[in-house]
Protein backbone atom coordinates (compact mmCIF):
# COMPACT_ATOMS: atom_id res chain seq x y z
CA MET A 1 -83.39 48.15 -30.11
CA THR A 2 -81.68 46.75 -27.06
CA GLY A 3 -79.94 50.08 -26.45
CA VAL A 4 -83.24 51.91 -26.54
CA LEU A 5 -84.78 49.55 -24.17
CA LEU A 6 -81.94 50.00 -21.73
CA ALA A 7 -81.97 53.76 -22.12
CA VAL A 8 -85.74 53.98 -21.59
CA SER A 9 -85.50 51.70 -18.44
CA ALA A 10 -82.68 53.77 -16.76
CA PRO A 11 -84.98 56.63 -15.59
CA ILE A 12 -87.52 54.12 -14.39
CA ALA A 13 -84.98 52.30 -12.31
CA VAL A 14 -83.64 55.54 -10.85
CA TYR A 15 -87.23 56.51 -9.86
CA LEU A 16 -87.78 53.14 -8.36
CA LEU A 17 -84.53 53.55 -6.42
CA ASP A 18 -85.61 57.05 -5.34
CA ILE A 19 -88.99 55.68 -3.99
CA SER A 20 -87.21 53.02 -2.09
CA LEU A 21 -84.87 55.45 -0.36
CA ARG A 22 -87.46 57.93 0.74
CA ASN A 23 -89.03 56.13 3.72
CA GLU A 24 -90.28 52.75 4.97
CA GLN A 25 -93.50 53.19 2.99
CA GLY A 26 -91.67 53.89 -0.14
CA PHE A 27 -89.50 50.92 0.32
CA ALA A 28 -92.51 48.69 0.82
CA GLN A 29 -94.17 50.15 -2.24
CA ALA A 30 -91.01 49.55 -4.26
CA MET A 31 -90.77 46.00 -2.98
CA ALA A 32 -94.41 45.39 -3.95
CA TRP A 33 -93.63 46.53 -7.54
CA VAL A 34 -90.52 44.23 -7.59
CA HIS A 35 -92.45 41.26 -6.60
CA SER A 36 -95.20 41.73 -9.15
CA TRP A 37 -95.25 39.47 -12.28
CA ALA A 38 -95.38 42.64 -14.58
CA PHE A 39 -92.13 43.89 -13.03
CA LYS A 40 -90.57 40.52 -13.28
CA SER A 41 -91.42 40.07 -16.91
CA ALA A 42 -90.10 43.56 -17.75
CA ALA A 43 -86.92 42.86 -15.75
CA LEU A 44 -86.45 39.60 -17.72
CA VAL A 45 -86.85 41.47 -20.95
CA LEU A 46 -84.21 44.01 -19.74
CA VAL A 47 -81.81 41.20 -18.70
CA TRP A 48 -82.24 39.81 -22.31
CA ALA A 49 -81.62 43.20 -23.80
CA LEU A 50 -78.50 43.77 -21.61
CA ALA A 51 -77.09 40.32 -22.38
CA HIS A 52 -77.65 40.70 -26.09
CA HIS A 53 -76.35 44.28 -26.22
CA MET A 54 -73.15 43.14 -24.38
CA LEU A 55 -72.62 40.06 -26.56
CA ALA A 56 -73.27 41.93 -29.73
CA GLY A 57 -70.74 44.63 -28.54
CA VAL A 58 -68.08 42.03 -27.99
CA ARG A 59 -68.93 40.58 -31.28
CA HIS A 60 -68.46 44.02 -33.05
CA LEU A 61 -65.24 44.74 -31.15
CA LEU A 62 -63.89 41.33 -32.53
CA THR A 63 -64.92 42.16 -36.01
CA ASP A 64 -63.14 45.57 -35.76
CA ILE A 65 -59.93 43.75 -35.47
CA SER A 66 -60.77 41.31 -38.27
CA VAL A 67 -61.64 38.30 -35.99
CA GLY A 68 -64.80 36.57 -37.46
CA SER A 69 -65.27 39.08 -40.34
CA THR A 70 -65.79 36.53 -43.13
CA LEU A 71 -69.43 36.16 -44.11
CA GLY A 72 -69.85 32.61 -42.74
CA THR A 73 -68.24 33.33 -39.43
CA ALA A 74 -70.18 36.68 -39.16
CA ARG A 75 -73.44 34.81 -39.63
CA ARG A 76 -72.55 32.06 -37.03
CA SER A 77 -71.46 34.69 -34.59
CA ALA A 78 -74.67 36.67 -35.00
CA TRP A 79 -76.69 33.47 -34.29
CA ALA A 80 -74.39 32.92 -31.21
CA VAL A 81 -75.27 36.35 -29.98
CA ASN A 82 -79.00 35.85 -30.51
CA LEU A 83 -78.99 32.42 -28.79
CA GLY A 84 -76.51 33.51 -26.14
CA GLY A 85 -78.69 36.50 -25.01
CA MET A 86 -81.77 34.19 -24.76
CA VAL A 87 -79.82 31.50 -22.83
CA ILE A 88 -78.66 34.10 -20.35
CA ALA A 89 -82.19 35.56 -19.99
CA LEU A 90 -83.55 32.06 -19.43
CA LEU A 91 -80.94 31.18 -16.82
CA VAL A 92 -81.50 34.38 -14.90
CA GLY A 93 -85.30 33.86 -15.19
CA GLY A 94 -84.93 30.36 -13.91
CA LEU A 95 -82.93 31.59 -10.96
CA TRP A 96 -84.98 34.61 -10.16
CA LEU A 97 -88.60 33.60 -11.04
């Protein structure tokens, strides 16, 4: 799910970058979008998705080399990934919002 969110958001981010680089009016329009609550909320969801996706990737890389592959350790690391993604998103949200 996080990978899908990140993939869907990439063209939107490129479009926003394109608008901001066209001219001064486009930049002002892009900045207006960036400062809206809807954009900030969507960006916070994307920060969570990126953090979760990266932490889960590290977790899976470690299990590929048999680190944390027992059932109990795997469950604890899965919870750590879930909580870690939320903590990172809340930290970024607290600094940005």
